Every structure is written in C-alpha cells, then in structure tokens.
C-alpha cells in the first residue's frame, strides 16, 4: 500500500512538473503578451495544483497535506483572477494584440 502511494505521488508530481515546463516553453514561444499570460496561467496553475495533489498523496493526512488542501483553491482562483486583471490592465494600457489575432473581444465589451 505504501508503494502505491509513492507511485501515485510521483505520477502527480511528474505531471505537474511537465505542465510547468510546458507553461514556461509557452511563455518563451507564444507571440504576444495575451497568449503568454494564458500559457502561464493555465499550464502553471494546473502544474502547481498537480504537484500539491502529489504532496497530499505522499504525506497522507498530515500538516503538509492540510496546507496543500488550503493552497490548491487559493492558487487556482487567485491565479486566474490575477491573470484576468493583468490582461485587462495590459489592454487598457494600450498593448496591442499579435498580428495573427483574429478577434478582439475586449474592444466589443468596452463599447
């Protein structure tokens, strides 16, 4: 049973590290600020939450698991709200969309 918990925790932590790595690659590769923020928010949030789930499986019911249970919703909701605020601020500051963007939803929402 102990061996199974270790395998599950390693799988979650590995998936989380891969999501974080893909988010970092997305930050470097994507063309404009808005796409980079999306890559950072979605991939890194899922990656960190997966790592925290791995911590919960690894430590079982302990203080570390309790802190991970508290950190997951804070991280999930906090990062999405912060990314939305950053994108709105970036748009209002005048940073333009990339050349390949097809639709500008904020322009329609402001009018």
PDB file of N, CA and C in Angstrom:
ATOM      1  N   UNK A   1       0.831  -1.209   0.000  1.00  0.00           N
ATOM      2  CA  UNK A   1       0.000   0.000   0.000  1.00  0.00           C
ATOM      3  C   UNK A   1       0.868   1.262   0.000  1.00  0.00           C
ATOM      4  N   UNK A   2       1.940   1.210   0.770  1.00  0.00           N
ATOM      5  CA  UNK A   2       2.835   2.359   0.843  1.00  0.00           C
ATOM      6  C   UNK A   2       3.507   2.609  -0.503  1.00  0.00           C
ATOM      7  N   UNK A   3       3.825   1.526  -1.204  1.00  0.00           N
ATOM      8  CA  UNK A   3       4.439   1.623  -2.511  1.00  0.00           C
ATOM      9  C   UNK A   3       3.492   2.277  -3.521  1.00  0.00           C
ATOM     10  N   UNK A   4       2.202   1.958  -3.427  1.00  0.00           N
ATOM     11  CA  UNK A   4       1.207   2.534  -4.333  1.00  0.00           C
ATOM     12  C   UNK A   4       1.073   4.039  -4.112  1.00  0.00           C
ATOM     13  N   UNK A   5       1.115   4.475  -2.858  1.00  0.00           N
ATOM     14  CA  UNK A   5       1.042   5.914  -2.562  1.00  0.00           C
ATOM     15  C   UNK A   5       2.229   6.651  -3.163  1.00  0.00           C
ATOM     16  N   UNK A   6       3.394   6.041  -3.095  1.00  0.00           N
ATOM     17  CA  UNK A   6       4.589   6.669  -3.666  1.00  0.00           C
ATOM     18  C   UNK A   6       4.478   6.775  -5.181  1.00  0.00           C
ATOM     19  N   UNK A   7       3.961   5.736  -5.822  1.00  0.00           N
ATOM     20  CA  UNK A   7       3.810   5.761  -7.280  1.00  0.00           C
ATOM     21  C   UNK A   7       2.818   6.834  -7.697  1.00  0.00           C
ATOM     22  N   UNK A   8       1.691   6.909  -6.990  1.00  0.00           N
ATOM     23  CA  UNK A   8       0.680   7.915  -7.319  1.00  0.00           C
ATOM     24  C   UNK A   8       1.244   9.319  -7.112  1.00  0.00           C
ATOM     25  N   UNK A   9       1.965   9.542  -6.022  1.00  0.00           N
ATOM     26  CA  UNK A   9       2.525  10.867  -5.766  1.00  0.00           C
ATOM     27  C   UNK A   9       3.577  11.224  -6.808  1.00  0.00           C
ATOM     28  N   UNK A  10       4.386  10.259  -7.212  1.00  0.00           N
ATOM     29  CA  UNK A  10       5.398  10.527  -8.244  1.00  0.00           C
ATOM     30  C   UNK A  10       4.735  10.860  -9.574  1.00  0.00           C
ATOM     31  N   UNK A  11       3.651  10.166  -9.906  1.00  0.00           N
ATOM     32  CA  UNK A  11       2.940  10.453 -11.160  1.00  0.00           C
ATOM     33  C   UNK A  11       2.374  11.875 -11.134  1.00  0.00           C
ATOM     34  N   UNK A  12       1.707  12.257 -10.043  1.00  0.00           N
ATOM     35  CA  UNK A  12       1.144  13.612  -9.957  1.00  0.00           C
ATOM     36  C   UNK A  12       2.237  14.676  -9.998  1.00  0.00           C
ATOM     37  N   UNK A  13       3.317  14.454  -9.289  1.00  0.00           N
ATOM     38  CA  UNK A  13       4.395  15.443  -9.272  1.00  0.00           C
ATOM     39  C   UNK A  13       5.056  15.541 -10.643  1.00  0.00           C
ATOM     40  N   UNK A  14       5.235  14.410 -11.324  1.00  0.00           N
ATOM     41  CA  UNK A  14       5.823  14.426 -12.666  1.00  0.00           C
ATOM     42  C   UNK A  14       4.917  15.149 -13.656  1.00  0.00           C
ATOM     43  N   UNK A  15       3.630  14.877 -13.596  1.00  0.00           N
ATOM     44  CA  UNK A  15       2.679  15.576 -14.473  1.00  0.00           C
ATOM     45  C   UNK A  15       2.706  17.080 -14.177  1.00  0.00           C
ATOM     46  N   UNK A  16       2.774  17.442 -12.907  1.00  0.00           N
ATOM     47  CA  UNK A  16       2.840  18.852 -12.542  1.00  0.00           C
ATOM     48  C   UNK A  16       4.091  19.533 -13.059  1.00  0.00           C
ATOM     49  N   UNK A  17       5.227  18.861 -12.954  1.00  0.00           N
ATOM     50  CA  UNK A  17       6.469  19.426 -13.475  1.00  0.00           C
ATOM     51  C   UNK A  17       6.400  19.579 -14.989  1.00  0.00           C
ATOM     52  N   UNK A  18       5.795  18.608 -15.678  1.00  0.00           N
ATOM     53  CA  UNK A  18       5.649  18.714 -17.130  1.00  0.00           C
ATOM     54  C   UNK A  18       4.735  19.873 -17.523  1.00  0.00           C
ATOM     55  N   UNK A  19       3.631  20.065 -16.786  1.00  0.00           N
ATOM     56  CA  UNK A  19       2.765  21.212 -17.059  1.00  0.00           C
ATOM     57  C   UNK A  19       3.525  22.519 -16.846  1.00  0.00           C
ATOM     58  N   UNK A  20       4.297  22.590 -15.777  1.00  0.00           N
ATOM     59  CA  UNK A  20       5.080  23.812 -15.531  1.00  0.00           C
ATOM     60  C   UNK A  20       6.108  24.036 -16.633  1.00  0.00           C
ATOM     61  N   UNK A  21       6.749  22.972 -17.082  1.00  0.00           N
ATOM     62  CA  UNK A  21       7.719  23.089 -18.163  1.00  0.00           C
ATOM     63  C   UNK A  21       7.050  23.565 -19.450  1.00  0.00           C
ATOM     64  N   UNK A  22       5.884  22.992 -19.777  1.00  0.00           N
ATOM     65  CA  UNK A  22       5.167  23.424 -20.979  1.00  0.00           C
ATOM     66  C   UNK A  22       4.696  24.873 -20.864  1.00  0.00           C
ATOM     67  N   UNK A  23       4.307  25.289 -19.670  1.00  0.00           N
ATOM     68  CA  UNK A  23       3.931  26.692 -19.469  1.00  0.00           C
ATOM     69  C   UNK A  23       5.110  27.622 -19.692  1.00  0.00           C
ATOM     70  N   UNK A  24       6.280  27.224 -19.212  1.00  0.00           N
ATOM     71  CA  UNK A  24       7.479  28.044 -19.424  1.00  0.00           C
ATOM     72  C   UNK A  24       7.868  28.103 -20.897  1.00  0.00           C
ATOM     73  N   UNK A  25       7.738  26.978 -21.583  1.00  0.00           N
ATOM     74  CA  UNK A  25       8.019  26.969 -23.024  1.00  0.00           C
ATOM     75  C   UNK A  25       7.009  27.846 -23.756  1.00  0.00           C
ATOM     76  N   UNK A  26       5.743  27.813 -23.319  1.00  0.00           N
ATOM     77  CA  UNK A  26       4.722  28.672 -23.920  1.00  0.00           C
ATOM     78  C   UNK A  26       5.015  30.146 -23.722  1.00  0.00           C
ATOM     79  N   UNK A  27       5.547  30.496 -22.566  1.00  0.00           N
ATOM     80  CA  UNK A  27       5.910  31.895 -22.324  1.00  0.00           C
ATOM     81  C   UNK A  27       6.995  32.336 -23.298  1.00  0.00           C
ATOM     82  N   UNK A  28       7.918  31.465 -23.583  1.00  0.00           N
ATOM     83  CA  UNK A  28       9.004  31.815 -24.500  1.00  0.00           C
ATOM     84  C   UNK A  28       8.574  31.794 -25.964  1.00  0.00           C
ATOM     85  N   UNK A  29       7.667  30.901 -26.336  1.00  0.00           N
ATOM     86  CA  UNK A  29       7.363  30.686 -27.740  1.00  0.00           C
ATOM     87  C   UNK A  29       6.173  31.473 -28.272  1.00  0.00           C
ATOM     88  N   UNK A  30       5.218  31.814 -27.434  1.00  0.00           N
ATOM     89  CA  UNK A  30       3.994  32.443 -27.943  1.00  0.00           C
ATOM     90  C   UNK A  30       4.250  33.889 -28.346  1.00  0.00           C
ATOM     91  N   UNK A  31       3.444  34.406 -29.304  1.00  0.00           N
ATOM     92  CA  UNK A  31       3.802  35.661 -29.967  1.00  0.00           C
ATOM     93  C   UNK A  31       3.515  36.949 -29.194  1.00  0.00           C
ATOM     94  N   UNK A  32       2.476  36.997 -28.386  1.00  0.00           N
ATOM     95  CA  UNK A  32       2.166  38.280 -27.745  1.00  0.00           C
ATOM     96  C   UNK A  32       1.881  38.092 -26.255  1.00  0.00           C
ATOM     97  N   UNK A  33       1.702  39.201 -25.583  1.00  0.00           N
ATOM     98  CA  UNK A  33       1.533  39.217 -24.130  1.00  0.00           C
ATOM     99  C   UNK A  33       0.320  38.426 -23.689  1.00  0.00           C
ATOM    100  N   UNK A  34      -0.758  38.531 -24.397  1.00  0.00           N
ATOM    101  CA  UNK A  34      -2.003  37.881 -24.002  1.00  0.00           C
ATOM    102  C   UNK A  34      -1.884  36.355 -24.066  1.00  0.00           C
ATOM    103  N   UNK A  35      -1.283  35.855 -25.124  1.00  0.00           N
ATOM    104  CA  UNK A  35      -1.079  34.408 -25.228  1.00  0.00           C
ATOM    105  C   UNK A  35      -0.087  33.914 -24.188  1.00  0.00           C
ATOM    106  N   UNK A  36       0.926  34.700 -23.897  1.00  0.00           N
ATOM    107  CA  UNK A  36       1.905  34.306 -22.880  1.00  0.00           C
ATOM    108  C   UNK A  36       1.269  34.232 -21.499  1.00  0.00           C
ATOM    109  N   UNK A  37       0.416  35.192 -21.197  1.00  0.00           N
ATOM    110  CA  UNK A  37      -0.278  35.152 -19.903  1.00  0.00           C
ATOM    111  C   UNK A  37      -1.210  33.955 -19.817  1.00  0.00           C
ATOM    112  N   UNK A  38      -1.843  33.602 -20.912  1.00  0.00           N
ATOM    113  CA  UNK A  38      -2.711  32.431 -20.911  1.00  0.00           C
ATOM    114  C   UNK A  38      -1.898  31.165 -20.665  1.00  0.00           C
ATOM    115  N   UNK A  39      -0.763  31.053 -21.325  1.00  0.00           N
ATOM    116  CA  UNK A  39       0.091  29.872 -21.124  1.00  0.00           C
ATOM    117  C   UNK A  39       0.578  29.797 -19.683  1.00  0.00           C
ATOM    118  N   UNK A  40       0.980  30.931 -19.163  1.00  0.00           N
ATOM    119  CA  UNK A  40       1.477  30.940 -17.788  1.00  0.00           C
ATOM    120  C   UNK A  40       0.381  30.586 -16.802  1.00  0.00           C
ATOM    121  N   UNK A  41      -0.792  31.141 -16.998  1.00  0.00           N
ATOM    122  CA  UNK A  41      -1.869  30.921 -16.043  1.00  0.00           C
ATOM    123  C   UNK A  41      -2.385  29.495 -16.090  1.00  0.00           C
ATOM    124  N   UNK A  42      -2.768  29.032 -17.248  1.00  0.00           N
ATOM    125  CA  UNK A  42      -3.397  27.709 -17.337  1.00  0.00           C
ATOM    126  C   UNK A  42      -2.417  26.587 -17.028  1.00  0.00           C
ATOM    127  N   UNK A  43      -1.285  26.569 -17.691  1.00  0.00           N
ATOM    128  CA  UNK A  43      -0.351  25.458 -17.520  1.00  0.00           C
ATOM    129  C   UNK A  43       0.277  25.448 -16.137  1.00  0.00           C
ATOM    130  N   UNK A  44       0.705  26.594 -15.676  1.00  0.00           N
ATOM    131  CA  UNK A  44       1.391  26.629 -14.389  1.00  0.00           C
ATOM    132  C   UNK A  44       0.409  26.408 -13.244  1.00  0.00           C
ATOM    133  N   UNK A  45      -0.815  26.878 -13.365  1.00  0.00           N
ATOM    134  CA  UNK A  45      -1.814  26.612 -12.323  1.00  0.00           C
ATOM    135  C   UNK A  45      -2.099  25.116 -12.230  1.00  0.00           C
ATOM    136  N   UNK A  46      -2.331  24.482 -13.369  1.00  0.00           N
ATOM    137  CA  UNK A  46      -2.562  23.032 -13.355  1.00  0.00           C
ATOM    138  C   UNK A  46      -1.335  22.278 -12.864  1.00  0.00           C
ATOM    139  N   UNK A  47      -0.153  22.745 -13.236  1.00  0.00           N
ATOM    140  CA  UNK A  47       1.069  22.099 -12.792  1.00  0.00           C
ATOM    141  C   UNK A  47       1.267  22.187 -11.293  1.00  0.00           C
ATOM    142  N   UNK A  48       1.091  23.369 -10.742  1.00  0.00           N
ATOM    143  CA  UNK A  48       1.273  23.539  -9.296  1.00  0.00           C
ATOM    144  C   UNK A  48       0.205  22.791  -8.503  1.00  0.00           C
ATOM    145  N   UNK A  49      -1.028  22.805  -8.989  1.00  0.00           N
ATOM    146  CA  UNK A  49      -2.085  22.053  -8.304  1.00  0.00           C
ATOM    147  C   UNK A  49      -1.804  20.554  -8.357  1.00  0.00           C
ATOM    148  N   UNK A  50      -1.277  20.074  -9.466  1.00  0.00           N
ATOM    149  CA  UNK A  50      -0.934  18.657  -9.569  1.00  0.00           C
ATOM    150  C   UNK A  50       0.205  18.293  -8.622  1.00  0.00           C
ATOM    151  N   UNK A  51       1.179  19.160  -8.510  1.00  0.00           N
ATOM    152  CA  UNK A  51       2.276  18.919  -7.563  1.00  0.00           C
ATOM    153  C   UNK A  51       1.743  18.884  -6.139  1.00  0.00           C
ATOM    154  N   UNK A  52       0.829  19.776  -5.813  1.00  0.00           N
ATOM    155  CA  UNK A  52       0.251  19.782  -4.469  1.00  0.00           C
ATOM    156  C   UNK A  52      -0.583  18.528  -4.205  1.00  0.00           C
ATOM    157  N   UNK A  53      -1.277  18.027  -5.216  1.00  0.00           N
ATOM    158  CA  UNK A  53      -2.010  16.761  -5.046  1.00  0.00           C
ATOM    159  C   UNK A  53      -1.014  15.624  -4.804  1.00  0.00           C
ATOM    160  N   UNK A  54       0.118  15.654  -5.499  1.00  0.00           N
ATOM    161  CA  UNK A  54       1.161  14.674  -5.250  1.00  0.00           C
ATOM    162  C   UNK A  54       1.697  14.756  -3.828  1.00  0.00           C
ATOM    163  N   UNK A  55       1.817  15.967  -3.306  1.00  0.00           N
ATOM    164  CA  UNK A  55       2.245  16.153  -1.911  1.00  0.00           C
ATOM    165  C   UNK A  55       1.212  15.562  -0.959  1.00  0.00           C
ATOM    166  N   UNK A  56      -0.066  15.739  -1.278  1.00  0.00           N
ATOM    167  CA  UNK A  56      -1.127  15.176  -0.421  1.00  0.00           C
ATOM    168  C   UNK A  56      -1.016  13.655  -0.389  1.00  0.00           C
ATOM    169  N   UNK A  57      -0.813  13.030  -1.549  1.00  0.00           N
ATOM    170  CA  UNK A  57      -0.676  11.571  -1.571  1.00  0.00           C
ATOM    171  C   UNK A  57       0.597  11.113  -0.868  1.00  0.00           C
ATOM    172  N   UNK A  58       1.661  11.881  -1.003  1.00  0.00           N
ATOM    173  CA  UNK A  58       2.934  11.472  -0.415  1.00  0.00           C
ATOM    174  C   UNK A  58       2.905  11.520   1.112  1.00  0.00           C
ATOM    175  N   UNK A  59       2.385  12.606   1.673  1.00  0.00           N
ATOM    176  CA  UNK A  59       2.426  12.781   3.117  1.00  0.00           C
ATOM    177  C   UNK A  59       1.194  12.244   3.838  1.00  0.00           C
ATOM    178  N   UNK A  60       0.134  11.902   3.107  1.00  0.00           N
ATOM    179  CA  UNK A  60      -1.072  11.409   3.762  1.00  0.00           C
ATOM    180  C   UNK A  60      -1.760  12.524   4.545  1.00  0.00           C
ATOM    181  N   UNK A  61      -2.488  12.156   5.581  1.00  0.00           N
ATOM    182  CA  UNK A  61      -3.168  13.159   6.402  1.00  0.00           C
ATOM    183  C   UNK A  61      -2.185  13.728   7.423  1.00  0.00           C
ATOM    184  N   UNK A  62      -1.592  14.842   7.060  1.00  0.00           N
ATOM    185  CA  UNK A  62      -0.624  15.496   7.934  1.00  0.00           C
ATOM    186  C   UNK A  62      -0.762  17.003   7.771  1.00  0.00           C
ATOM    187  N   UNK A  63       0.125  17.733   8.423  1.00  0.00           N
ATOM    188  CA  UNK A  63       0.101  19.189   8.300  1.00  0.00           C
ATOM    189  C   UNK A  63       0.405  19.638   6.871  1.00  0.00           C
ATOM    190  N   UNK A  64       1.324  18.943   6.205  1.00  0.00           N
ATOM    191  CA  UNK A  64       1.657  19.293   4.825  1.00  0.00           C
ATOM    192  C   UNK A  64       0.455  19.098   3.905  1.00  0.00           C
ATOM    193  N   UNK A  65      -0.297  18.027   4.101  1.00  0.00           N
ATOM    194  CA  UNK A  65      -1.483  17.782   3.280  1.00  0.00           C
ATOM    195  C   UNK A  65      -2.555  18.830   3.549  1.00  0.00           C
ATOM    196  N   UNK A  66      -2.710  19.218   4.800  1.00  0.00           N
ATOM    197  CA  UNK A  66      -3.684  20.256   5.138  1.00  0.00           C
ATOM    198  C   UNK A  66      -3.331  21.570   4.452  1.00  0.00           C
ATOM    199  N   UNK A  67      -2.055  21.920   4.479  1.00  0.00           N
ATOM    200  CA  UNK A  67      -1.616  23.147   3.807  1.00  0.00           C
ATOM    201  C   UNK A  67      -1.809  23.050   2.295  1.00  0.00           C
ATOM    202  N   UNK A  68      -1.592  21.866   1.743  1.00  0.00           N
ATOM    203  CA  UNK A  68      -1.798  21.678   0.305  1.00  0.00           C
ATOM    204  C   UNK A  68      -3.276  21.800  -0.047  1.00  0.00           C
ATOM    205  N   UNK A  69      -4.156  21.230   0.805  1.00  0.00           N
ATOM    206  CA  UNK A  69      -5.601  21.363   0.577  1.00  0.00           C
ATOM    207  C   UNK A  69      -6.029  22.826   0.602  1.00  0.00           C
ATOM    208  N   UNK A  70      -5.425  23.612   1.452  1.00  0.00           N
ATOM    209  CA  UNK A  70      -5.748  25.040   1.535  1.00  0.00           C
ATOM    210  C   UNK A  70      -5.156  25.795   0.350  1.00  0.00           C
ATOM    211  N   UNK A  71      -3.953  25.416  -0.070  1.00  0.00           N
ATOM    212  CA  UNK A  71      -3.260  26.145  -1.127  1.00  0.00           C
ATOM    213  C   UNK A  71      -3.869  25.916  -2.509  1.00  0.00           C
ATOM    214  N   UNK A  72      -4.444  24.747  -2.753  1.00  0.00           N
ATOM    215  CA  UNK A  72      -4.963  24.443  -4.094  1.00  0.00           C
ATOM    216  C   UNK A  72      -6.066  25.410  -4.521  1.00  0.00           C
ATOM    217  N   UNK A  73      -7.141  25.621  -3.735  1.00  0.00           N
ATOM    218  CA  UNK A  73      -8.152  26.585  -4.212  1.00  0.00           C
ATOM    219  C   UNK A  73      -7.652  28.024  -4.236  1.00  0.00           C
ATOM    220  N   UNK A  74      -6.775  28.376  -3.288  1.00  0.00           N
ATOM    221  CA  UNK A  74      -6.226  29.738  -3.304  1.00  0.00           C
ATOM    222  C   UNK A  74      -5.418  29.955  -4.573  1.00  0.00           C
ATOM    223  N   UNK A  75      -4.583  28.993  -4.919  1.00  0.00           N
ATOM    224  CA  UNK A  75      -3.776  29.083  -6.130  1.00  0.00           C
ATOM    225  C   UNK A  75      -4.654  29.084  -7.373  1.00  0.00           C
ATOM    226  N   UNK A  76      -5.630  28.202  -7.416  1.00  0.00           N
ATOM    227  CA  UNK A  76      -6.490  28.083  -8.591  1.00  0.00           C
ATOM    228  C   UNK A  76      -7.266  29.366  -8.854  1.00  0.00           C
ATOM    229  N   UNK A  77      -7.952  29.878  -7.839  1.00  0.00           N
ATOM    230  CA  UNK A  77      -8.767  31.079  -8.045  1.00  0.00           C
ATOM    231  C   UNK A  77      -7.926  32.348  -8.083  1.00  0.00           C
ATOM    232  N   UNK A  78      -6.898  32.405  -7.271  1.00  0.00           N
ATOM    233  CA  UNK A  78      -6.057  33.603  -7.235  1.00  0.00           C
ATOM    234  C   UNK A  78      -5.313  33.842  -8.533  1.00  0.00           C
ATOM    235  N   UNK A  79      -4.778  32.786  -9.120  1.00  0.00           N
ATOM    236  CA  UNK A  79      -4.013  32.976 -10.355  1.00  0.00           C
ATOM    237  C   UNK A  79      -4.916  33.331 -11.530  1.00  0.00           C
ATOM    238  N   UNK A  80      -6.108  32.763 -11.591  1.00  0.00           N
ATOM    239  CA  UNK A  80      -6.996  33.099 -12.703  1.00  0.00           C
ATOM    240  C   UNK A  80      -7.502  34.534 -12.593  1.00  0.00           C
ATOM    241  N   UNK A  81      -7.830  34.969 -11.397  1.00  0.00           N
ATOM    242  CA  UNK A  81      -8.278  36.352 -11.217  1.00  0.00           C
ATOM    243  C   UNK A  81      -7.138  37.326 -11.479  1.00  0.00           C
ATOM    244  N   UNK A  82      -5.942  36.988 -11.014  1.00  0.00           N
ATOM    245  CA  UNK A  82      -4.785  37.861 -11.249  1.00  0.00           C
ATOM    246  C   UNK A  82      -4.456  37.952 -12.736  1.00  0.00           C
ATOM    247  N   UNK A  83      -4.534  36.843 -13.448  1.00  0.00           N
ATOM    248  CA  UNK A  83      -4.265  36.872 -14.885  1.00  0.00           C
ATOM    249  C   UNK A  83      -5.302  37.709 -15.623  1.00  0.00           C
ATOM    250  N   UNK A  84      -6.560  37.588 -15.217  1.00  0.00           N
ATOM    251  CA  UNK A  84      -7.600  38.406 -15.845  1.00  0.00           C
ATOM    252  C   UNK A  84      -7.334  39.892 -15.599  1.00  0.00           C
ATOM    253  N   UNK A  85      -6.958  40.242 -14.374  1.00  0.00           N
ATOM    254  CA  UNK A  85      -6.664  41.645 -14.066  1.00  0.00           C
ATOM    255  C   UNK A  85      -5.449  42.137 -14.850  1.00  0.00           C
ATOM    256  N   UNK A  86      -4.430  41.305 -14.982  1.00  0.00           N
ATOM    257  CA  UNK A  86      -3.255  41.697 -15.760  1.00  0.00           C
ATOM    258  C   UNK A  86      -3.594  41.890 -17.231  1.00  0.00           C
ATOM    259  N   UNK A  87      -4.426  41.013 -17.767  1.00  0.00           N
ATOM    260  CA  UNK A  87      -4.794  41.152 -19.179  1.00  0.00           C
ATOM    261  C   UNK A  87      -5.632  42.403 -19.411  1.00  0.00           C
ATOM    262  N   UNK A  88      -6.565  42.670 -18.508  1.00  0.00           N
ATOM    263  CA  UNK A  88      -7.366  43.907 -18.657  1.00  0.00           C
ATOM    264  C   UNK A  88      -6.491  45.140 -18.548  1.00  0.00           C
ATOM    265  N   UNK A  89      -5.581  45.137 -17.590  1.00  0.00           N
ATOM    266  CA  UNK A  89      -4.671  46.272 -17.440  1.00  0.00           C
ATOM    267  C   UNK A  89      -3.768  46.444 -18.642  1.00  0.00           C
ATOM    268  N   UNK A  90      -3.287  45.346 -19.164  1.00  0.00           N
ATOM    269  CA  UNK A  90      -2.444  45.400 -20.355  1.00  0.00           C
ATOM    270  C   UNK A  90      -3.211  45.962 -21.539  1.00  0.00           C
ATOM    271  N   UNK A  91      -4.464  45.555 -21.684  1.00  0.00           N
ATOM    272  CA  UNK A  91      -5.278  46.048 -22.799  1.00  0.00           C
ATOM    273  C   UNK A  91      -5.565  47.540 -22.646  1.00  0.00           C
ATOM    274  N   UNK A  92      -5.921  47.945 -21.445  1.00  0.00           N
ATOM    275  CA  UNK A  92      -6.227  49.368 -21.223  1.00  0.00           C
ATOM    276  C   UNK A  92      -4.976  50.242 -21.317  1.00  0.00           C
ATOM    277  N   UNK A  93      -3.811  49.662 -21.055  1.00  0.00           N
ATOM    278  CA  UNK A  93      -2.556  50.397 -21.170  1.00  0.00           C
ATOM    279  C   UNK A  93      -2.182  50.625 -22.625  1.00  0.00           C
ATOM    280  N   UNK A  94      -2.749  49.830 -23.528  1.00  0.00           N
ATOM    281  CA  UNK A  94      -2.535  50.049 -24.949  1.00  0.00           C
ATOM    282  C   UNK A  94      -1.644  49.032 -25.627  1.00  0.00           C
ATOM    283  N   UNK A  95      -1.325  47.950 -24.966  1.00  0.00           N
ATOM    284  CA  UNK A  95      -0.524  46.903 -25.607  1.00  0.00           C
ATOM    285  C   UNK A  95      -1.415  46.212 -26.639  1.00  0.00           C
ATOM    286  N   UNK A  96      -0.955  46.170 -27.877  1.00  0.00           N
ATOM    287  CA  UNK A  96      -1.780  45.634 -28.957  1.00  0.00           C
ATOM    288  C   UNK A  96      -1.719  44.114 -29.007  1.00  0.00           C
ATOM    289  N   UNK A  97      -2.717  43.557 -29.650  1.00  0.00           N
ATOM    290  CA  UNK A  97      -2.748  42.116 -29.872  1.00  0.00           C
ATOM    291  C   UNK A  97      -1.718  41.740 -30.934  1.00  0.00           C
ATOM    292  N   UNK A  98      -1.405  40.466 -31.003  1.00  0.00           N
ATOM    293  CA  UNK A  98      -0.460  39.990 -32.011  1.00  0.00           C
ATOM    294  C   UNK A  98      -1.013  40.125 -33.417  1.00  0.00           C
ATOM    295  N   UNK A  99      -0.139  40.004 -34.391  1.00  0.00           N
ATOM    296  CA  UNK A  99      -0.533  40.145 -35.795  1.00  0.00           C
ATOM    297  C   UNK A  99      -1.497  39.061 -36.246  1.00  0.00           C
ATOM    298  N   UNK A 100      -1.399  37.879 -35.666  1.00  0.00           N
ATOM    299  CA  UNK A 100      -2.218  36.756 -36.111  1.00  0.00           C
ATOM    300  C   UNK A 100      -3.537  36.634 -35.361  1.00  0.00           C
ATOM    301  N   UNK A 101      -3.850  37.568 -34.467  1.00  0.00           N
ATOM    302  CA  UNK A 101      -5.111  37.509 -33.721  1.00  0.00           C
ATOM    303  C   UNK A 101      -6.271  37.839 -34.657  1.00  0.00           C
ATOM    304  N   UNK A 102      -7.343  37.098 -34.508  1.00  0.00           N
ATOM    305  CA  UNK A 102      -8.481  37.232 -35.414  1.00  0.00           C
ATOM    306  C   UNK A 102      -9.577  38.090 -34.800  1.00  0.00           C
ATOM    307  N   UNK A 103      -9.803  37.978 -33.497  1.00  0.00           N
ATOM    308  CA  UNK A 103     -10.941  38.642 -32.875  1.00  0.00           C
ATOM    309  C   UNK A 103     -10.487  39.355 -31.605  1.00  0.00           C
ATOM    310  N   UNK A 104     -11.067  40.530 -31.365  1.00  0.00           N
ATOM    311  CA  UNK A 104     -10.758  41.330 -30.182  1.00  0.00           C
ATOM    312  C   UNK A 104     -12.027  41.462 -29.355  1.00  0.00           C
ATOM    313  N   UNK A 105     -12.210  40.591 -28.382  1.00  0.00           N
ATOM    314  CA  UNK A 105     -13.428  40.598 -27.568  1.00  0.00           C
ATOM    315  C   UNK A 105     -13.498  41.797 -26.632  1.00  0.00           C
ATOM    316  N   UNK A 106     -12.363  42.278 -26.160  1.00  0.00           N
ATOM    317  CA  UNK A 106     -12.386  43.420 -25.239  1.00  0.00           C
ATOM    318  C   UNK A 106     -12.864  44.694 -25.943  1.00  0.00           C
ATOM    319  N   UNK A 107     -12.522  44.861 -27.193  1.00  0.00           N
ATOM    320  CA  UNK A 107     -12.938  46.049 -27.915  1.00  0.00           C
ATOM    321  C   UNK A 107     -14.462  46.127 -27.962  1.00  0.00           C
ATOM    322  N   UNK A 108     -15.113  44.972 -28.178  1.00  0.00           N
ATOM    323  CA  UNK A 108     -16.575  44.919 -28.210  1.00  0.00           C
ATOM    324  C   UNK A 108     -17.159  45.101 -26.802  1.00  0.00           C
ATOM    325  N   UNK A 109     -16.498  44.608 -25.792  1.00  0.00           N
ATOM    326  CA  UNK A 109     -17.021  44.704 -24.418  1.00  0.00           C
ATOM    327  C   UNK A 109     -16.913  46.130 -23.887  1.00  0.00           C
ATOM    328  N   UNK A 110     -15.904  46.868 -24.282  1.00  0.00           N
ATOM    329  CA  UNK A 110     -15.731  48.236 -23.788  1.00  0.00           C
ATOM    330  C   UNK A 110     -16.781  49.162 -24.391  1.00  0.00           C
ATOM    331  N   UNK A 111     -17.165  48.934 -25.636  1.00  0.00           N
ATOM    332  CA  UNK A 111     -18.152  49.801 -26.285  1.00  0.00           C
ATOM    333  C   UNK A 111     -19.509  49.523 -25.804  1.00  0.00           C
TER     334      UNK A 111
END
